[in-house]
Protein backbone atom coordinates (compact mmCIF):
# COMPACT_ATOMS: atom_id res chain seq x y z
CA MET A 1 34.51 29.92 137.85
CA THR A 2 30.88 30.24 138.96
CA ALA A 3 30.26 28.66 142.34
CA VAL A 4 27.27 26.56 143.38
CA PHE A 5 25.40 27.42 146.59
CA LEU A 6 23.10 24.82 148.12
CA HIS A 7 20.52 26.24 150.55
CA SER A 8 18.50 24.14 152.97
CA GLY A 9 17.16 23.77 156.47
CA TRP A 10 18.06 20.92 158.78
CA ARG A 11 16.78 17.35 158.28
CA THR A 12 16.01 17.83 154.60
CA GLY A 13 18.39 15.35 152.99
CA SER A 14 20.83 18.17 152.31
CA THR A 15 23.89 16.15 153.35
CA TYR A 16 22.98 13.54 150.75
CA ILE A 17 22.62 16.17 148.02
CA TRP A 18 25.84 17.93 149.04
CA ASN A 19 27.64 14.57 148.91
CA GLN A 20 26.40 13.96 145.34
CA PHE A 21 28.01 17.27 144.35
CA ARG A 22 31.13 16.38 146.32
CA ARG A 23 31.53 13.25 144.21
CA GLN A 24 31.53 15.24 140.98
CA PRO A 25 34.93 15.54 139.30
CA GLY A 26 36.31 19.05 139.43
CA THR A 27 34.41 20.26 142.49
CA LEU A 28 35.54 21.30 145.96
CA ALA A 29 32.44 20.88 148.11
CA TYR A 30 32.46 22.60 151.49
CA TYR A 31 30.17 21.16 154.13
CA GLU A 32 28.13 23.75 156.05
CA PRO A 33 30.44 26.79 155.76
CA LEU A 34 28.50 28.58 158.52
CA HIS A 35 28.55 25.70 161.01
CA GLU A 36 29.52 26.84 164.52
CA ARG A 37 31.85 23.84 164.78
CA LEU A 38 34.28 25.58 162.43
CA ASP A 39 35.57 27.46 165.47
CA ARG A 40 36.68 24.76 167.91
CA PRO A 41 40.20 25.47 169.20
CA GLY A 42 42.20 22.29 169.60
CA GLU A 43 39.75 20.06 167.72
CA ASP A 44 40.84 18.20 164.59
CA LEU A 45 38.01 19.20 162.27
CA THR A 46 39.16 16.81 159.57
CA ARG A 47 38.25 13.87 161.82
CA VAL A 48 34.71 15.01 162.72
CA HIS A 49 32.29 12.17 162.13
CA TRP A 50 28.62 11.74 162.93
CA ASP A 51 27.19 8.25 163.36
CA ALA A 52 25.36 7.36 160.13
CA GLU A 53 22.94 5.13 162.04
CA THR A 54 21.63 8.00 164.16
CA SER A 55 22.19 10.92 161.77
CA HIS A 56 20.77 8.99 158.78
CA HIS A 57 23.47 10.61 156.66
CA PRO A 58 24.91 8.78 153.66
CA ALA A 59 28.22 6.96 153.85
CA LEU A 60 30.94 9.49 153.02
CA ASP A 61 34.20 8.93 151.18
CA ALA A 62 35.95 11.40 153.52
CA PRO A 63 35.05 13.18 156.79
CA TYR A 64 32.63 16.10 156.56
CA PHE A 65 35.11 18.95 156.83
CA SER A 66 38.02 17.45 154.85
CA GLU A 67 37.88 20.16 152.19
CA TYR A 68 38.85 22.76 154.80
CA ARG A 69 42.10 20.98 155.72
CA PRO A 70 44.54 23.55 154.20
CA LEU A 71 42.60 26.39 155.86
CA ILE A 72 42.57 25.03 159.42
CA GLU A 73 44.73 26.57 162.12
CA ASP A 74 44.37 25.15 165.63
CA GLY A 75 40.82 23.95 165.07
CA ARG A 76 39.70 27.18 163.40
CA ILE A 77 39.03 28.15 159.80
CA GLY A 78 40.77 31.34 158.78
CA LEU A 79 38.42 34.36 158.61
CA PHE A 80 35.50 32.39 160.09
CA GLN A 81 33.70 34.14 162.95
CA PRO A 82 31.26 32.34 165.30
CA GLU A 83 28.60 35.04 164.87
CA PHE A 84 28.24 34.03 161.22
CA SER A 85 26.24 30.97 162.27
CA TYR A 86 23.09 32.50 163.77
CA ARG A 87 23.36 36.11 164.91
CA ARG A 88 22.70 37.67 161.49
CA PHE A 89 20.48 34.90 160.16
CA PHE A 90 18.44 37.35 158.07
CA LEU A 91 20.15 39.71 155.64
CA SER A 92 18.81 41.85 152.82
CA ALA A 93 20.65 42.30 149.55
CA GLU A 94 21.70 45.81 150.62
CA ASP A 95 23.23 44.84 153.97
CA GLN A 96 26.95 45.35 154.43
CA GLU A 97 28.69 42.30 155.88
CA PRO A 98 32.33 42.63 154.79
CA ALA A 99 33.71 39.99 157.18
CA LEU A 100 31.24 37.35 156.01
CA ARG A 101 31.87 38.28 152.40
CA ARG A 102 35.66 37.95 152.82
CA TYR A 103 35.30 34.56 154.47
CA LEU A 104 33.07 33.04 151.80
CA GLN A 105 35.12 34.61 149.01
CA MET A 106 38.21 32.97 150.51
CA LEU A 107 36.56 29.56 150.20
CA ILE A 108 35.60 30.19 146.58
CA GLU A 109 39.07 31.43 145.69
CA HIS A 110 40.68 28.49 147.48
CA ALA A 111 38.76 26.17 145.16
CA GLY A 112 39.55 28.30 142.10
CA GLU A 113 43.27 28.23 142.82
CA ARG A 114 43.04 24.45 142.51
CA ASN A 115 41.01 24.73 139.30
CA ARG A 116 37.96 23.37 141.11
CA LYS A 117 34.39 24.63 141.18
CA ALA A 118 33.36 25.64 144.70
CA VAL A 119 30.17 24.05 146.03
CA LEU A 120 28.98 25.48 149.33
CA GLY A 121 26.42 23.31 151.13
CA PHE A 122 24.62 25.63 153.57
CA SER A 123 22.00 24.84 156.22
CA ARG A 124 22.07 28.33 157.77
CA SER A 125 21.57 30.50 154.69
CA LEU A 126 17.87 30.55 153.79
CA GLY A 127 17.35 33.96 155.38
CA ARG A 128 20.35 35.41 153.53
CA VAL A 129 20.03 34.12 149.96
CA GLY A 130 19.26 37.57 148.57
CA TRP A 131 22.42 38.93 150.17
CA LEU A 132 24.48 35.99 148.91
CA LYS A 133 23.16 36.42 145.39
CA GLN A 134 24.02 40.12 145.46
CA ASN A 135 27.59 39.49 146.60
CA PHE A 136 28.77 36.34 144.77
CA ASP A 137 28.89 34.86 141.31
CA ALA A 138 27.00 31.65 142.01
CA VAL A 139 24.13 29.40 140.98
CA HIS A 140 21.66 29.03 143.85
CA LEU A 141 19.86 25.75 144.50
CA ARG A 142 17.11 25.56 147.13
CA ILE A 143 16.54 22.20 148.84
CA SER A 144 13.02 21.84 150.19
CA ARG A 145 11.09 19.16 152.04
CA ASN A 146 7.47 18.95 153.11
CA PRO A 147 7.45 20.77 156.47
CA ARG A 148 5.60 18.02 158.30
CA ARG A 149 8.09 15.43 157.11
CA GLN A 150 10.98 17.71 158.03
CA TRP A 151 9.43 18.24 161.45
CA ALA A 152 8.98 14.47 161.80
CA SER A 153 12.72 14.01 161.31
CA ILE A 154 13.48 16.74 163.87
CA HIS A 155 11.07 15.14 166.35
CA HIS A 156 12.57 11.70 165.62
CA GLN A 157 16.05 12.96 166.53
CA ARG A 158 14.75 14.34 169.79
CA ALA A 159 12.50 11.41 170.76
CA LYS A 160 14.59 8.42 169.71
CA TYR A 161 18.17 9.65 169.98
CA ARG A 162 17.75 12.33 172.67
CA ASN A 163 19.19 14.87 170.26
CA PRO A 164 17.31 18.18 170.63
CA TYR A 165 19.82 20.17 168.55
CA PHE A 166 17.58 20.71 165.52
CA LEU A 167 14.65 21.82 167.66
CA VAL A 168 16.63 24.05 170.00
CA ASN A 169 18.16 25.87 167.04
CA GLN A 170 14.71 27.08 165.99
CA PHE A 171 14.47 28.96 169.27
CA LEU A 172 18.08 30.13 169.10
CA ILE A 173 17.51 31.65 165.63
CA SER A 174 14.29 33.30 166.80
CA GLY A 175 15.83 34.68 169.99
CA GLN A 176 19.09 35.93 168.53
CA ASN A 177 17.23 37.67 165.68
CA ARG A 178 14.21 38.78 167.69
CA THR A 179 14.49 42.42 166.60
CA HIS A 180 14.19 41.58 162.91
CA PRO A 181 10.84 42.86 161.56
CA ALA A 182 9.97 39.49 160.01
CA LEU A 183 10.04 37.87 163.46
CA ARG A 184 8.01 40.52 165.26
CA PRO A 185 4.67 38.61 165.36
CA LEU A 186 6.38 35.47 166.60
CA ILE A 187 8.22 37.31 169.38
CA GLU A 188 5.12 39.28 170.36
CA ARG A 189 3.20 36.04 170.82
CA TYR A 190 6.02 34.00 172.40
CA ASP A 191 8.69 36.08 174.06
CA ILE A 192 11.74 34.07 173.03
CA PRO A 193 14.64 35.75 174.83
CA LEU A 194 17.91 37.02 173.46
CA ILE A 195 20.78 34.85 174.71
CA GLN A 196 24.29 35.65 173.53
CA THR A 197 27.38 34.44 175.33
CA SER A 198 30.98 34.27 174.19
CA CYS A 199 30.46 30.75 172.81
CA VAL A 200 27.79 29.43 170.44
CA SER A 201 27.80 26.05 172.20
CA ASN A 202 26.88 27.83 175.43
CA ASP A 203 24.10 29.71 173.63
CA ILE A 204 22.66 26.41 172.41
CA ALA A 205 22.91 24.86 175.88
CA LEU A 206 21.10 27.79 177.49
CA TYR A 207 18.29 27.76 174.94
CA GLN A 208 17.98 24.02 175.46
CA LYS A 209 17.67 24.53 179.20
CA ILE A 210 14.87 27.05 178.73
CA PHE A 211 12.91 25.15 176.10
CA ASP A 212 13.65 21.55 177.04
CA GLY A 213 10.09 20.93 178.22
CA ILE A 214 8.35 23.04 175.61
CA GLY A 215 5.11 21.59 174.30
CA SER A 216 4.92 20.14 170.81
CA HIS A 217 2.26 22.66 169.76
CA ILE A 218 4.52 25.67 170.35
CA ALA A 219 7.59 23.84 169.05
CA TYR A 220 5.91 23.06 165.74
CA MET A 221 4.53 26.59 165.50
CA VAL A 222 8.01 28.10 165.87
CA PHE A 223 9.46 25.57 163.42
CA TYR A 224 6.74 26.18 160.83
CA TYR A 225 7.01 29.95 161.17
CA LEU A 226 10.73 29.81 160.34
CA TRP A 227 10.21 27.20 157.62
CA ARG A 228 7.54 29.25 155.90
CA LEU A 229 9.40 32.52 156.26
CA THR A 230 12.79 31.32 155.06
CA GLN A 231 11.42 29.36 152.12
CA ALA A 232 9.57 32.49 150.99
CA MET A 233 12.67 34.63 151.45
CA ALA A 234 14.90 32.25 149.48
CA GLU A 235 12.54 31.31 146.65
CA PRO A 236 12.88 34.47 144.49
CA HIS A 237 16.67 34.22 144.45
CA CYS A 238 17.18 30.54 143.57
CA GLU A 239 17.44 29.23 140.02
CA ILE A 240 16.84 25.58 140.92
CA LEU A 241 14.48 23.91 143.38
CA VAL A 242 15.10 20.37 144.59
CA ASP A 243 12.02 18.84 146.21
CA VAL A 244 13.50 16.08 148.34
CA ASP A 245 10.21 14.20 148.68
CA ARG A 246 9.74 14.01 144.90
CA LEU A 247 13.40 13.20 144.42
CA SER A 248 13.00 10.00 146.41
CA SER A 249 9.73 8.90 144.81
CA ASP A 250 9.68 10.10 141.19
CA SER A 251 12.28 8.77 138.74
CA ALA A 252 11.29 11.27 136.03
CA TYR A 253 11.76 14.13 138.47
CA ARG A 254 15.23 12.84 139.35
CA ILE A 255 16.20 12.97 135.68
CA GLN A 256 14.68 16.45 135.27
CA THR A 257 16.55 17.72 138.33
CA THR A 258 19.91 16.46 137.10
CA ALA A 259 19.23 18.02 133.69
CA ALA A 260 18.37 21.39 135.29
CA ILE A 261 21.55 21.31 137.36
CA GLN A 262 23.66 20.39 134.34
CA ALA A 263 22.19 23.24 132.31
CA ARG A 264 23.05 25.78 135.01
CA THR A 265 26.33 24.42 136.39
CA GLY A 266 27.76 21.86 133.98
CA LEU A 267 27.65 19.26 136.77
CA THR A 268 25.69 16.01 136.58
CA PRO A 269 25.04 14.67 140.09
CA SER A 270 22.99 11.49 140.12
CA PHE A 271 20.10 11.05 142.54
CA ASP A 272 19.15 7.50 141.57
CA ASP A 273 19.71 6.25 145.11
CA ALA A 274 17.74 9.04 146.80
CA ILE A 275 15.71 7.77 149.76
CA SER A 276 13.52 9.88 152.03
CA GLY A 277 13.37 8.00 155.33
CA ARG A 278 10.27 7.66 157.47
CA PRO A 279 10.70 8.05 161.23
CA ASP A 280 9.94 4.98 163.34
CA VAL A 281 8.56 6.95 166.31
CA ALA A 282 5.04 8.26 166.69
CA MET A 283 4.45 11.88 165.73
CA PRO A 284 2.88 14.22 168.29
CA GLU A 285 -0.89 14.40 167.87
CA LEU A 286 -1.38 18.00 166.80
CA ASP A 287 -3.81 19.90 164.61
CA TYR A 288 -1.08 20.65 162.09
CA ALA A 289 -3.40 22.34 159.60
CA ARG A 290 -4.69 24.73 162.26
CA ILE A 291 -1.18 25.64 163.43
CA GLU A 292 -0.08 26.25 159.85
CA ALA A 293 -3.12 28.42 159.14
CA PHE A 294 -2.36 30.47 162.26
CA VAL A 295 1.23 31.02 161.11
CA GLU A 296 0.00 32.05 157.66
CA SER A 297 -2.19 34.69 159.31
CA LEU A 298 0.77 36.04 161.27
CA LEU A 299 2.88 36.33 158.15
CA ALA A 300 0.06 37.91 156.17
CA ASN A 301 -0.34 40.58 158.83
CA VAL A 302 3.35 41.46 158.66
CA PHE A 303 3.83 41.35 154.91
CA CYS A 304 0.80 43.30 153.75
CA ASN A 305 2.61 46.37 152.42
CA GLY A 306 3.79 45.04 149.07
CA ASN A 307 7.42 44.67 150.06
CA ALA A 308 9.74 41.95 148.81
CA TYR A 309 8.88 39.59 151.64
CA SER A 310 5.13 39.88 151.11
CA GLU A 311 5.55 39.28 147.39
CA ALA A 312 7.62 36.16 148.14
CA VAL A 313 5.03 34.88 150.60
CA GLY A 314 2.30 35.53 148.06
CA ARG A 315 4.11 33.57 145.35
CA SER A 316 4.80 30.73 147.73
CA ASN A 317 1.11 30.61 148.72
CA GLU A 318 0.28 29.98 145.08
CA ASP A 319 2.57 26.94 144.82
């Protein structure tokens, strides 16, 4: 049974979209299969709950990780490894990652054994979609949001709720993958260090300590660099695009999106109640257009040799 892979960044409405698939009869929808929390000895993952008021997530019929219940042993998911979350954030189709492949295949087979279609709702996959497409029988759906609105949600979490997680992770991804060619211009300009401890939570805490007082200009630059890069990497490999901003404002687009998903997957998730929230804190006063143009110049300098990445960036520039 062909699986469905949902690919997104953070603060894009991806939990809402995953939940619409979760509600479909005949699916087994896994929440964030690469989340570092899937390796927490002693924690009851099936009771993990984030406050809807602060997370702005939809009301759920069951806790986030309920689908993993039969696979949990002492707070861990069988075959999951913590390094899956961030340390190989960028993979090409030719890369060999047998441990990651076995883990994800286990999830798909677990659903198949119950005669259910596996839906995997990723937020750490955009740099690996080509590899995932090469290794699995799946339909790939890319969830995208206007970068300034996505950034506004990240800033809102940090400013209003003192939750820097979604900002710190931009630096963690950059630092732990700093040797990847696609990140070279970013690292050459801002020397984001490599931090790897025995625990992902410690990695996040250390990056937070270093970048806690980082200025909004650099923070947005790093965010936009990763946004632009990963969207370009994922775009050629995805059959369906869901524009979250249009989904919440355009009824005809909602109908078209459901029809496209049905044609590819046989599923009919409804998005009639889609809402794209607006943060109630002031955005940093930045020259966003200038920062974005600077990032575009960095990417153009790297991807000027006609390789797959440059072709993806070129197509995305035409959108």
